[in-house]
Amino acid sequence: MPLLKGKKNIGRNIKTEMAHGKPRKQAIAIALSVARRGKKKKKKK
């Protein structure tokens, strides 16, 4: 299952990553990175 973008889904993404065997700190970093990616795509030139 792909991770969801946006601030509202950070907790859900952390749980998903930890369920797949990632350490807690790494899961948090991944979830925050994915949440930030959602913002960057919305910007227009």
C-alpha atoms as a PDB file:
ATOM      1  CA  MET A   1       0.000   0.000   0.000  1.00  0.00           C
ATOM      2  CA  PRO A   2       1.493   3.381  -0.968  1.00  0.00           C
ATOM      3  CA  LEU A   3       1.906   6.023   1.690  1.00  0.00           C
ATOM      4  CA  LEU A   4      -0.615   8.847   1.766  1.00  0.00           C
ATOM      5  CA  LYS A   5       0.419  12.478   1.291  1.00  0.00           C
ATOM      6  CA  GLY A   6      -0.545  15.348   3.577  1.00  0.00           C
ATOM      7  CA  LYS A   7      -0.226  16.298   7.233  1.00  0.00           C
ATOM      8  CA  LYS A   8      -3.370  14.433   8.256  1.00  0.00           C
ATOM      9  CA  ASN A   9      -1.831  11.089   7.295  1.00  0.00           C
ATOM     10  CA  ILE A  10       1.513  11.293   9.098  1.00  0.00           C
ATOM     11  CA  GLY A  11       0.433   9.032  11.975  1.00  0.00           C
ATOM     12  CA  ARG A  12      -1.056   6.469   9.615  1.00  0.00           C
ATOM     13  CA  ASN A  13       2.125   6.442   7.515  1.00  0.00           C
ATOM     14  CA  ILE A  14       4.305   5.945  10.613  1.00  0.00           C
ATOM     15  CA  LYS A  15       2.214   2.944  11.663  1.00  0.00           C
ATOM     16  CA  THR A  16       2.431   1.507   8.150  1.00  0.00           C
ATOM     17  CA  GLU A  17       6.215   1.809   8.023  1.00  0.00           C
ATOM     18  CA  MET A  18       6.674   0.332  11.498  1.00  0.00           C
ATOM     19  CA  ALA A  19       4.430  -2.595  10.532  1.00  0.00           C
ATOM     20  CA  HIS A  20       6.813  -3.244   7.635  1.00  0.00           C
ATOM     21  CA  GLY A  21       9.754  -3.519  10.042  1.00  0.00           C
ATOM     22  CA  LYS A  22      11.294  -0.053   9.900  1.00  0.00           C
ATOM     23  CA  PRO A  23      12.780   1.425  13.098  1.00  0.00           C
ATOM     24  CA  ARG A  24      10.686   4.170  14.728  1.00  0.00           C
ATOM     25  CA  LYS A  25      12.992   7.089  13.838  1.00  0.00           C
ATOM     26  CA  GLN A  26      13.248   5.990  10.218  1.00  0.00           C
ATOM     27  CA  ALA A  27       9.466   5.549   9.965  1.00  0.00           C
ATOM     28  CA  ILE A  28       8.941   9.096  11.270  1.00  0.00           C
ATOM     29  CA  ALA A  29      11.458  10.517   8.792  1.00  0.00           C
ATOM     30  CA  ILE A  30       9.798   8.729   5.878  1.00  0.00           C
ATOM     31  CA  ALA A  31       6.305   9.855   6.918  1.00  0.00           C
ATOM     32  CA  LEU A  32       7.388  13.494   7.236  1.00  0.00           C
ATOM     33  CA  SER A  33       9.159  13.354   3.890  1.00  0.00           C
ATOM     34  CA  VAL A  34       6.041  12.010   2.165  1.00  0.00           C
ATOM     35  CA  ALA A  35       3.892  14.692   3.820  1.00  0.00           C
ATOM     36  CA  ARG A  36       6.227  17.400   2.514  1.00  0.00           C
ATOM     37  CA  ARG A  37       6.200  15.960  -1.005  1.00  0.00           C
ATOM     38  CA  GLY A  38       2.467  16.620  -1.206  1.00  0.00           C
ATOM     39  CA  LYS A  39       3.073  20.341  -0.734  1.00  0.00           C
ATOM     40  CA  LYS A  40       5.799  20.605  -3.364  1.00  0.00           C
ATOM     41  CA  LYS A  41       3.646  19.148  -6.136  1.00  0.00           C
ATOM     42  CA  LYS A  42       0.916  21.780  -5.704  1.00  0.00           C
ATOM     43  CA  LYS A  43       3.227  24.723  -6.503  1.00  0.00           C
ATOM     44  CA  LYS A  44       2.956  26.213  -9.975  1.00  0.00           C
ATOM     45  CA  LYS A  45       5.665  27.967 -11.952  1.00  0.00           C
END
